[in-house]
Structure formats: C-alpha cells, structure tokens
Amino acid sequence: MAGVRVLDLTNVLAGPFAGYQLALMGAEVIKVEVPGSGDLARNLGGDPDLSKDGLGVSFLAQNSGKRSLTLNLKSAAGREVFERLVREADVLLENFRPGVLERLGFPVDVLRSLNPGLVYCAVSGFGQTGPMRGRPAYDQIIQGLSGIMSVTGTAETAPIRTGFPIADTLGGYAAAFAISAALVKRARTGAGSFLDVSMLETAVAAMGWVVSDYLVAGRQPGAMGNENATSAPSGTFRTADGALNIAANKQEQYVELCTLLNRPELVTDTRFTTRESRKAHRIALTEELEKTLTQKSAAHWDELLASSGVPVAPVLTVEQTLSLPQLADRQLLHAVEMPDGRDRELRVLGSSVHVDSASVGPSARPPRLGEHTDDILTELGYTPDEIGTLRAEGAV
C-alpha cells in the first residue's frame, strides 16, 4: 500500500485497528486527533503512568507507524485544513456515531465533491441506517447483542464475554478488507466508494457455523464450554498437570488417538464407533480418555500426539504463547522506540500475514499527540506564519 494516504479519524479500537492493518501494509496513515486530548485510547491500558502521559497501552498497541495531526473540526479554519487533507487523501476512515461528520459539514456528497476518488469508510456499532443507528456501542454491547455471549461459556456459566474485544477486532479487520477491495475498484474505474461497516453485522457474519446451525438445521445454538458441537472428542481435556486441547474430528484421527493412548477398546465400543455416536456420548468419552490422559503431563501427550496427525496442543497463558518458538521464528513481535524517549523498547504485534516470505511490522513508533502537525500542514502548503495563526486560533 505504499503511496496510499489514509486519514484516520478513529478512536479506541475498531477504527484504529483497521488503520493499523493498513499502516502495516505500507499505507501512509495520518491520525487526525482532537487537540489537547486525542484518541481516548491514549488514556487506556494496564500502565497508569503511560496513560497519564497520553501513551496508554491501548493506544500504543495499534498506532505504530502512524503520524499524528491535531485538528479542531468545529472551527472554520480547522475545517478548511480538513478539506485540504481530503483532497489529497486516498482513504478516509472514521468511527464516529452516524451523522457526526455530516453535522460538522462533511456529508458523503461534500466529501465526494472534494475528492471523487475518495474511499470513505465509516465504522459504527450498528451501521449508518436502521432503527439502532444512533445508539452508542462498545465491544461489550455488540458481543451481547450479536449472540456471541450466549454461546460462550457453559450451560451453567453463559452468557460470558470473550476474553478480548473480539467485536472491535473483527470490525477492524472487516474495515481494512473493505478498504483494500475499494482501492482495487478505484484502480480499475477511478471511482471512490462509501463503505458502511457495522460491528453488529460483522460479529453475526463471523458466527457463520453457529448461525447456520439455526438457519439451516433448525438447531438452537447453546454454550458448550470447551466442547466442539460438530465433533467428539474435540475439546479440552485434563492431564496430570494442565489442560490439553485435542480435536480428533476425523474418524482416522480418533482411531489414531485411541491407538497412541493404548486404548484400542474405545474404537470398537458401540458408544463411540461413529462421529454421531461419539457426540451423543461425549461426556462418557471424555471420562474414558481422561483416565489415561491424567496419568502423564500435557507436554508428554503433546509430544506424543503432535507428530501423529492428531490435532493437539496445550492450553497456554498469554505469556506462554508469546514465548513460543513458532512465533519467534515467524517474527510476529516487533520492537520500536517508546514515543516518550524512555530507555526501553516497545514491543508490538505486527501483521499476521507474511508478504513474499517476509514478516510485516510497523515502520515507526506510535506518535505523540500532534507530533507531526507542523510537518503535515507544511506538506499541505501552509506557511510557518499560517501555521502559527492556526495554532493561535485553536484550529490545530
């Protein structure tokens, strides 16, 4: 995406995550922030000192490689600066509530008049139309409304939210994908696009199998804990020292599992001979398997089964996951400087996609609030005196 200029007017997670994916792929992303406060994520995260300095962990996580410009869109001079930005941009990304940018004087038709080739992507909780369009929405709200929480946990503990903001993240991925597709269209036709990304619809669409069980099979989805509704044994099992995930979804995998556990009788047991019979007796099957699995460690079974074709892996903590040699080999983690000059490196996640056999990471550290304002204004043609006036007026 080198040469693609993105105006990122987003806050907190879904929008900034989308902008970060574009930045990782080489786009020039200008983060347009409110003077004095900036992205709310600058004040969020697990380190209170960083949050106090406007460098909250939540901000650092998805803003590397971007440049920060502060701009007051409620001022006439600020809107004039924004018009110049739009004229020279390829993409405009925002996650305001529907109608906010229009009330500031920039409805879709005005943006198109400024830049007919603009790809304008609006990310919101419920989309730009419909009876819920104006309601506020955070990840927690979307998780509950989409049905995700109803199928997470066990029958006794559901509804439970996932352990990370999955609706925000899915919305960000959907926006980045839509923007990429719209840029392909523009390259072919010269026409821009207006992309309306709904976090609710994205979350529901991502639940494909669960939703289809209801739409096609008439089965009411429910929370099954760590079990896989489509197969057995496919879930989390106790070992001598920890949890182990096994997904023997194919018949040959089940036979191989029983053979390696030295439990051949489980292959011919009439309760477990077929996929459907195993699903019907999954509790009994789990009890039988755990009689053997609990005799040795998760590491032992992982080593034994991993090379056999049976999908298996231990259940890890985040710390353990980040220390996996596999992730080190793939270079998912990248080190950049801290924005405040502290004598420590900042480790951030790069892209999950390798391009031409190479890992993809951020081109630079996250920006301080308004760090690049003067540089960007100069690129837009403003003189030093004009920039001084904009600052004096509170436009930037």
Protein backbone atom coordinates (compact mmCIF):
# COMPACT_ATOMS: atom_id res chain seq x y z
CA MET A 1 0.00 0.00 0.00
CA ALA A 2 2.94 2.35 -0.37
CA GLY A 3 1.68 5.64 -1.74
CA VAL A 4 -1.82 5.26 -0.27
CA ARG A 5 -2.68 8.11 2.11
CA VAL A 6 -5.20 7.34 4.85
CA LEU A 7 -6.90 9.91 7.09
CA ASP A 8 -7.57 8.05 10.33
CA LEU A 9 -10.15 9.93 12.42
CA THR A 10 -10.86 6.96 14.65
CA ASN A 11 -10.83 6.33 18.39
CA VAL A 12 -10.19 3.45 20.80
CA LEU A 13 -10.06 0.11 18.92
CA ALA A 14 -12.16 -0.96 15.90
CA GLY A 15 -11.17 2.02 13.73
CA PRO A 16 -7.56 2.37 14.95
CA PHE A 17 -7.08 -1.39 14.49
CA ALA A 18 -8.23 -1.05 10.87
CA GLY A 19 -5.86 1.87 10.34
CA TYR A 20 -3.01 -0.11 11.87
CA GLN A 21 -3.54 -3.00 9.46
CA LEU A 22 -3.30 -0.53 6.57
CA ALA A 23 -0.17 1.05 8.05
CA LEU A 24 1.45 -2.37 8.41
CA MET A 25 0.87 -2.91 4.72
CA GLY A 26 2.70 0.30 3.87
CA ALA A 27 -0.02 2.94 3.76
CA GLU A 28 0.77 6.45 4.99
CA VAL A 29 -1.69 6.85 7.86
CA ILE A 30 -2.34 10.32 9.27
CA LYS A 31 -4.07 10.09 12.62
CA VAL A 32 -6.33 13.14 12.96
CA GLU A 33 -6.90 13.79 16.68
CA VAL A 34 -8.73 16.31 18.83
CA PRO A 35 -6.33 18.98 20.18
CA GLY A 36 -5.50 18.53 23.84
CA SER A 37 -6.97 15.08 24.32
CA GLY A 38 -6.59 12.94 21.20
CA ASP A 39 -7.65 9.34 20.89
CA LEU A 40 -9.35 8.11 24.09
CA ALA A 41 -7.11 5.04 23.92
CA ARG A 42 -4.22 7.31 24.91
CA ASN A 43 -5.67 7.12 28.43
CA LEU A 44 -6.43 3.40 28.50
CA GLY A 45 -4.37 0.32 29.33
CA GLY A 46 -2.56 -1.57 32.03
CA ASP A 47 0.12 1.05 32.84
CA PRO A 48 -1.34 4.09 34.67
CA ASP A 49 1.84 6.14 34.21
CA LEU A 50 1.76 5.72 30.44
CA SER A 51 -1.95 6.54 30.39
CA LYS A 52 -1.31 9.71 32.35
CA ASP A 53 1.24 10.74 29.71
CA GLY A 54 -1.22 10.17 26.86
CA LEU A 55 0.56 7.00 25.79
CA GLY A 56 -1.81 4.36 27.11
CA VAL A 57 -1.02 0.77 26.27
CA SER A 58 -4.28 0.53 24.32
CA PHE A 59 -3.05 3.36 22.08
CA LEU A 60 0.48 2.02 21.69
CA ALA A 61 -0.90 -1.36 20.61
CA GLN A 62 -2.39 -0.19 17.29
CA ASN A 63 -0.89 3.12 16.29
CA SER A 64 2.72 2.39 15.38
CA GLY A 65 3.74 3.76 12.02
CA LYS A 66 1.09 6.49 12.01
CA ARG A 67 1.63 10.27 12.12
CA SER A 68 -0.45 12.44 14.45
CA LEU A 69 -2.09 15.72 13.44
CA THR A 70 -4.32 17.60 15.90
CA LEU A 71 -7.29 19.33 14.28
CA ASN A 72 -10.39 21.11 15.58
CA LEU A 73 -13.16 20.29 13.13
CA LYS A 74 -15.55 22.57 15.00
CA SER A 75 -13.59 25.64 13.86
CA ALA A 76 -13.85 27.17 10.39
CA ALA A 77 -10.08 27.18 9.94
CA GLY A 78 -9.88 23.57 11.09
CA ARG A 79 -12.50 22.55 8.54
CA GLU A 80 -10.53 24.30 5.82
CA VAL A 81 -7.46 22.27 6.78
CA PHE A 82 -9.57 19.14 6.68
CA GLU A 83 -10.77 19.97 3.18
CA ARG A 84 -7.16 20.15 2.01
CA LEU A 85 -6.45 16.82 3.67
CA VAL A 86 -9.44 15.17 1.99
CA ARG A 87 -8.44 16.47 -1.44
CA GLU A 88 -5.07 14.75 -1.18
CA ALA A 89 -6.20 11.57 0.60
CA ASP A 90 -7.00 8.17 -0.81
CA VAL A 91 -8.92 6.89 2.21
CA LEU A 92 -10.97 8.49 4.99
CA LEU A 93 -11.55 6.21 7.97
CA GLU A 94 -13.78 7.23 10.89
CA ASN A 95 -15.78 5.55 13.66
CA PHE A 96 -18.00 8.38 14.89
CA ARG A 97 -21.65 7.76 15.59
CA PRO A 98 -23.63 8.05 12.33
CA GLY A 99 -24.24 11.67 11.36
CA VAL A 100 -21.39 13.27 13.32
CA LEU A 101 -19.19 14.06 10.32
CA GLU A 102 -22.27 15.28 8.43
CA ARG A 103 -23.12 17.71 11.24
CA LEU A 104 -19.56 19.02 11.07
CA GLY A 105 -20.22 19.92 7.45
CA PHE A 106 -18.87 16.85 5.67
CA PRO A 107 -21.67 14.58 4.45
CA VAL A 108 -20.82 11.98 1.82
CA ASP A 109 -21.75 14.22 -1.12
CA VAL A 110 -19.47 17.02 0.09
CA LEU A 111 -16.57 14.60 0.56
CA ARG A 112 -17.15 13.24 -2.95
CA SER A 113 -17.18 16.74 -4.37
CA LEU A 114 -13.83 17.40 -2.73
CA ASN A 115 -12.37 14.10 -3.91
CA PRO A 116 -14.37 11.89 -6.31
CA GLY A 117 -11.89 9.04 -5.89
CA LEU A 118 -12.04 9.02 -2.08
CA VAL A 119 -12.63 5.71 -0.33
CA TYR A 120 -14.68 6.73 2.70
CA CYS A 121 -15.07 4.03 5.37
CA ALA A 122 -17.38 4.61 8.34
CA VAL A 123 -17.21 2.05 11.14
CA SER A 124 -20.05 2.09 13.67
CA GLY A 125 -21.82 -0.21 16.08
CA PHE A 126 -24.93 -0.74 14.01
CA GLY A 127 -24.33 0.84 10.61
CA GLN A 128 -25.41 4.13 9.09
CA THR A 129 -29.07 3.13 8.66
CA GLY A 130 -31.75 1.30 10.62
CA PRO A 131 -33.58 1.93 13.91
CA MET A 132 -30.47 1.37 16.08
CA ARG A 133 -28.08 3.53 14.03
CA GLY A 134 -27.79 6.30 16.63
CA ARG A 135 -27.18 4.13 19.68
CA PRO A 136 -23.73 4.11 21.29
CA ALA A 137 -21.91 0.81 21.08
CA TYR A 138 -18.85 -0.68 22.68
CA ASP A 139 -17.48 -4.17 22.17
CA GLN A 140 -19.32 -5.47 25.25
CA ILE A 141 -22.65 -4.28 23.84
CA ILE A 142 -22.05 -5.89 20.46
CA GLN A 143 -20.89 -9.18 21.99
CA GLY A 144 -24.14 -9.46 23.91
CA LEU A 145 -26.43 -8.29 21.11
CA SER A 146 -24.82 -10.48 18.43
CA GLY A 147 -25.34 -13.74 20.30
CA ILE A 148 -21.62 -14.28 20.90
CA MET A 149 -22.04 -14.20 24.68
CA SER A 150 -24.96 -16.63 24.58
CA VAL A 151 -22.74 -19.37 23.11
CA THR A 152 -19.65 -18.61 25.20
CA GLY A 153 -19.07 -20.47 28.46
CA THR A 154 -21.01 -23.49 29.65
CA ALA A 155 -24.73 -24.02 30.07
CA GLU A 156 -24.22 -23.05 33.71
CA THR A 157 -22.00 -20.00 33.21
CA ALA A 158 -23.22 -18.45 29.93
CA PRO A 159 -23.59 -15.71 28.89
CA ILE A 160 -19.92 -14.76 29.10
CA ARG A 161 -17.96 -12.26 27.02
CA THR A 162 -14.83 -13.41 25.28
CA GLY A 163 -11.54 -12.60 26.98
CA PHE A 164 -10.64 -9.90 24.46
CA PRO A 165 -12.70 -7.32 22.48
CA ILE A 166 -13.47 -9.62 19.59
CA ALA A 167 -16.28 -7.49 18.10
CA ASP A 168 -13.97 -4.47 17.86
CA THR A 169 -11.20 -6.54 16.32
CA LEU A 170 -13.49 -8.21 13.79
CA GLY A 171 -14.91 -4.81 12.86
CA GLY A 172 -11.39 -3.50 12.28
CA TYR A 173 -10.46 -6.42 10.06
CA ALA A 174 -13.71 -6.02 8.08
CA ALA A 175 -13.00 -2.33 7.54
CA ALA A 176 -9.42 -2.95 6.40
CA PHE A 177 -10.58 -5.63 3.98
CA ALA A 178 -13.36 -3.42 2.58
CA ILE A 179 -10.96 -0.51 2.11
CA SER A 180 -8.49 -2.75 0.28
CA ALA A 181 -11.25 -4.01 -2.02
CA ALA A 182 -12.46 -0.45 -2.70
CA LEU A 183 -8.95 0.60 -3.64
CA VAL A 184 -8.85 -2.21 -6.19
CA LYS A 185 -12.14 -0.93 -7.63
CA ARG A 186 -10.78 2.61 -7.78
CA ALA A 187 -7.65 1.43 -9.60
CA ARG A 188 -9.89 -0.14 -12.23
CA THR A 189 -12.59 2.52 -12.54
CA GLY A 190 -11.28 5.69 -10.89
CA ALA A 191 -14.40 5.79 -8.70
CA GLY A 192 -14.36 6.12 -4.94
CA SER A 193 -16.65 4.27 -2.53
CA PHE A 194 -18.63 4.79 0.64
CA LEU A 195 -18.14 1.81 2.95
CA ASP A 196 -20.61 1.33 5.81
CA VAL A 197 -19.16 -1.18 8.29
CA SER A 198 -21.45 -2.42 11.07
CA MET A 199 -19.77 -4.08 14.04
CA LEU A 200 -23.00 -5.93 14.86
CA GLU A 201 -23.34 -7.37 11.38
CA THR A 202 -19.65 -8.23 11.24
CA ALA A 203 -19.91 -10.13 14.53
CA VAL A 204 -23.00 -12.04 13.39
CA ALA A 205 -21.44 -12.82 10.00
CA ALA A 206 -18.34 -14.17 11.75
CA MET A 207 -20.52 -16.67 13.64
CA GLY A 208 -21.18 -18.49 10.37
CA TRP A 209 -21.41 -22.09 11.58
CA VAL A 210 -23.33 -21.21 14.72
CA VAL A 211 -25.83 -19.07 12.82
CA SER A 212 -26.19 -21.69 10.07
CA ASP A 213 -26.98 -24.38 12.61
CA TYR A 214 -30.07 -22.34 13.42
CA LEU A 215 -30.94 -21.07 9.92
CA VAL A 216 -30.38 -24.33 8.06
CA ALA A 217 -30.61 -27.13 10.60
CA GLY A 218 -33.10 -25.52 12.99
CA ARG A 219 -30.78 -26.22 15.91
CA GLN A 220 -30.85 -23.68 18.73
CA PRO A 221 -27.18 -22.78 19.44
CA GLY A 222 -26.08 -23.00 23.04
CA ALA A 223 -22.99 -22.65 25.18
CA MET A 224 -20.90 -25.82 25.19
CA GLY A 225 -17.87 -24.66 27.12
CA ASN A 226 -14.72 -26.10 25.59
CA GLU A 227 -16.53 -28.75 23.57
CA ASN A 228 -16.91 -28.64 19.78
CA ALA A 229 -20.54 -29.04 18.77
CA THR A 230 -19.62 -30.65 15.45
CA SER A 231 -17.43 -33.48 16.70
CA ALA A 232 -16.07 -35.55 19.59
CA PRO A 233 -13.54 -35.96 21.05
CA SER A 234 -12.90 -32.33 20.27
CA GLY A 235 -12.34 -30.08 23.25
CA THR A 236 -10.23 -29.53 26.35
CA PHE A 237 -9.05 -32.46 28.45
CA ARG A 238 -7.39 -32.81 31.85
CA THR A 239 -3.86 -34.18 32.08
CA ALA A 240 -1.57 -34.75 35.05
CA ASP A 241 -0.53 -31.09 35.15
CA GLY A 242 -2.68 -28.94 32.90
CA ALA A 243 -5.22 -28.69 30.13
CA LEU A 244 -4.76 -30.15 26.67
CA ASN A 245 -6.82 -29.42 23.56
CA ILE A 246 -7.50 -32.39 21.29
CA ALA A 247 -9.52 -32.15 18.10
CA ALA A 248 -9.85 -35.65 16.67
CA ASN A 249 -12.57 -34.58 14.25
CA LYS A 250 -11.95 -37.27 11.60
CA GLN A 251 -12.54 -40.97 12.10
CA GLU A 252 -8.91 -41.83 11.32
CA GLN A 253 -7.74 -39.24 13.86
CA TYR A 254 -9.95 -40.80 16.53
CA VAL A 255 -8.59 -44.26 15.78
CA GLU A 256 -5.01 -42.95 15.89
CA LEU A 257 -5.69 -41.19 19.21
CA CYS A 258 -7.04 -44.35 20.83
CA THR A 259 -4.11 -46.37 19.47
CA LEU A 260 -1.49 -43.98 20.85
CA LEU A 261 -3.23 -43.82 24.21
CA ASN A 262 -3.22 -47.63 24.24
CA ARG A 263 -6.99 -47.67 24.46
CA PRO A 264 -8.00 -49.76 21.40
CA GLU A 265 -11.23 -50.84 23.06
CA LEU A 266 -12.58 -47.30 22.66
CA VAL A 267 -12.53 -47.73 18.88
CA THR A 268 -14.95 -50.68 18.95
CA ASP A 269 -17.09 -49.51 21.89
CA THR A 270 -20.56 -49.08 20.34
CA ARG A 271 -20.98 -45.74 22.12
CA PHE A 272 -18.01 -44.31 20.23
CA THR A 273 -17.84 -46.01 16.85
CA THR A 274 -19.15 -43.11 14.75
CA ARG A 275 -18.99 -39.31 14.84
CA GLU A 276 -22.66 -39.04 15.79
CA SER A 277 -22.47 -41.71 18.49
CA ARG A 278 -19.40 -40.05 19.98
CA LYS A 279 -21.23 -36.70 20.06
CA ALA A 280 -24.19 -38.36 21.79
CA HIS A 281 -21.88 -39.87 24.43
CA ARG A 282 -19.24 -37.13 24.62
CA ILE A 283 -19.29 -36.95 28.44
CA ALA A 284 -18.62 -40.68 28.78
CA LEU A 285 -15.93 -40.50 26.11
CA THR A 286 -14.19 -37.63 27.88
CA GLU A 287 -14.20 -39.60 31.14
CA GLU A 288 -12.63 -42.59 29.43
CA LEU A 289 -9.93 -40.56 27.71
CA GLU A 290 -9.06 -38.65 30.87
CA LYS A 291 -8.48 -41.91 32.74
CA THR A 292 -5.40 -42.22 30.55
CA LEU A 293 -4.54 -38.57 29.93
CA THR A 294 -4.35 -37.73 33.64
CA GLN A 295 -1.57 -40.27 34.12
CA LYS A 296 1.00 -38.06 32.35
CA SER A 297 1.74 -34.40 31.67
CA ALA A 298 0.28 -32.22 28.95
CA ALA A 299 3.78 -31.85 27.50
CA HIS A 300 4.14 -35.63 27.26
CA TRP A 301 0.88 -36.06 25.37
CA ASP A 302 1.59 -33.06 23.16
CA GLU A 303 4.94 -34.53 22.09
CA LEU A 304 3.43 -37.97 21.53
CA LEU A 305 0.40 -36.86 19.55
CA ALA A 306 1.70 -33.83 17.64
CA SER A 307 3.59 -35.89 15.04
CA SER A 308 0.77 -38.39 14.63
CA GLY A 309 -1.68 -36.29 12.65
CA VAL A 310 -3.98 -35.82 15.62
CA PRO A 311 -4.54 -32.05 16.17
CA VAL A 312 -3.35 -31.35 19.71
CA ALA A 313 -1.79 -28.55 21.78
CA PRO A 314 -1.61 -27.46 25.41
CA VAL A 315 -3.74 -24.60 26.70
CA LEU A 316 -1.35 -21.70 27.37
CA THR A 317 -1.37 -18.36 29.11
CA VAL A 318 -0.70 -15.22 27.07
CA GLU A 319 2.83 -15.10 28.48
CA GLN A 320 3.49 -18.68 27.43
CA THR A 321 2.07 -18.08 23.98
CA LEU A 322 4.30 -15.06 23.35
CA SER A 323 7.34 -17.17 24.22
CA LEU A 324 6.54 -19.88 21.66
CA PRO A 325 9.48 -20.59 19.33
CA GLN A 326 6.95 -20.69 16.48
CA LEU A 327 6.04 -17.02 16.97
CA ALA A 328 9.70 -16.10 17.34
CA ASP A 329 10.52 -17.84 14.08
CA ARG A 330 7.65 -16.06 12.34
CA GLN A 331 8.67 -12.69 13.85
CA LEU A 332 5.16 -11.69 14.92
CA LEU A 333 6.51 -9.38 17.63
CA HIS A 334 8.37 -6.23 16.62
CA ALA A 335 10.38 -3.73 18.67
CA VAL A 336 10.11 0.03 18.19
CA GLU A 337 11.16 3.02 20.27
CA MET A 338 8.98 4.37 23.06
CA PRO A 339 7.37 7.67 21.95
CA ASP A 340 8.43 9.49 25.12
CA GLY A 341 12.12 8.66 24.81
CA ARG A 342 12.12 6.27 27.78
CA ASP A 343 15.07 3.93 27.83
CA ARG A 344 13.10 0.84 26.97
CA GLU A 345 11.88 -0.75 23.79
CA LEU A 346 8.23 -1.07 22.95
CA ARG A 347 7.17 -4.49 21.70
CA VAL A 348 4.10 -4.56 19.49
CA LEU A 349 2.31 -7.07 17.30
CA GLY A 350 2.93 -6.92 13.60
CA SER A 351 0.76 -8.35 10.83
CA SER A 352 -0.38 -11.97 10.95
CA VAL A 353 0.34 -12.12 7.20
CA HIS A 354 3.76 -12.71 5.65
CA VAL A 355 4.31 -10.95 2.32
CA ASP A 356 6.72 -12.57 -0.13
CA SER A 357 8.03 -14.78 2.69
CA ALA A 358 8.78 -11.83 4.99
CA SER A 359 7.14 -10.81 8.25
CA VAL A 360 5.43 -7.42 8.28
CA GLY A 361 5.92 -4.96 11.12
CA PRO A 362 5.41 -1.24 11.78
CA SER A 363 7.63 1.28 10.03
CA ALA A 364 7.94 3.57 13.06
CA ARG A 365 6.91 4.03 16.68
CA PRO A 366 3.47 5.34 17.73
CA PRO A 367 3.19 9.15 17.59
CA ARG A 368 2.92 11.63 20.43
CA LEU A 369 -0.26 13.69 20.31
CA GLY A 370 0.06 16.22 17.48
CA GLU A 371 3.70 15.33 16.90
CA HIS A 372 3.51 15.74 13.13
CA THR A 373 1.04 18.62 12.90
CA ASP A 374 3.52 21.19 11.55
CA ASP A 375 5.07 18.74 9.10
CA ILE A 376 1.71 17.72 7.65
CA LEU A 377 0.47 21.31 7.41
CA THR A 378 3.66 22.25 5.60
CA GLU A 379 3.07 19.39 3.16
CA LEU A 380 -0.42 20.82 2.56
CA GLY A 381 1.12 24.15 1.57
CA TYR A 382 0.74 26.18 4.76
CA THR A 383 3.50 28.67 5.56
CA PRO A 384 5.06 28.99 9.04
CA ASP A 385 3.06 32.18 9.63
CA GLU A 386 -0.18 30.49 8.60
CA ILE A 387 0.57 27.56 10.87
CA GLY A 388 1.18 29.99 13.74
CA THR A 389 -2.19 31.58 13.06
CA LEU A 390 -3.93 28.22 13.03
CA ARG A 391 -2.40 27.41 16.39
CA ALA A 392 -3.34 30.81 17.83
CA GLU A 393 -6.96 30.28 16.68
CA GLY A 394 -7.11 26.82 18.23
CA ALA A 395 -7.72 25.21 14.84
CA VAL A 396 -4.84 22.80 15.35
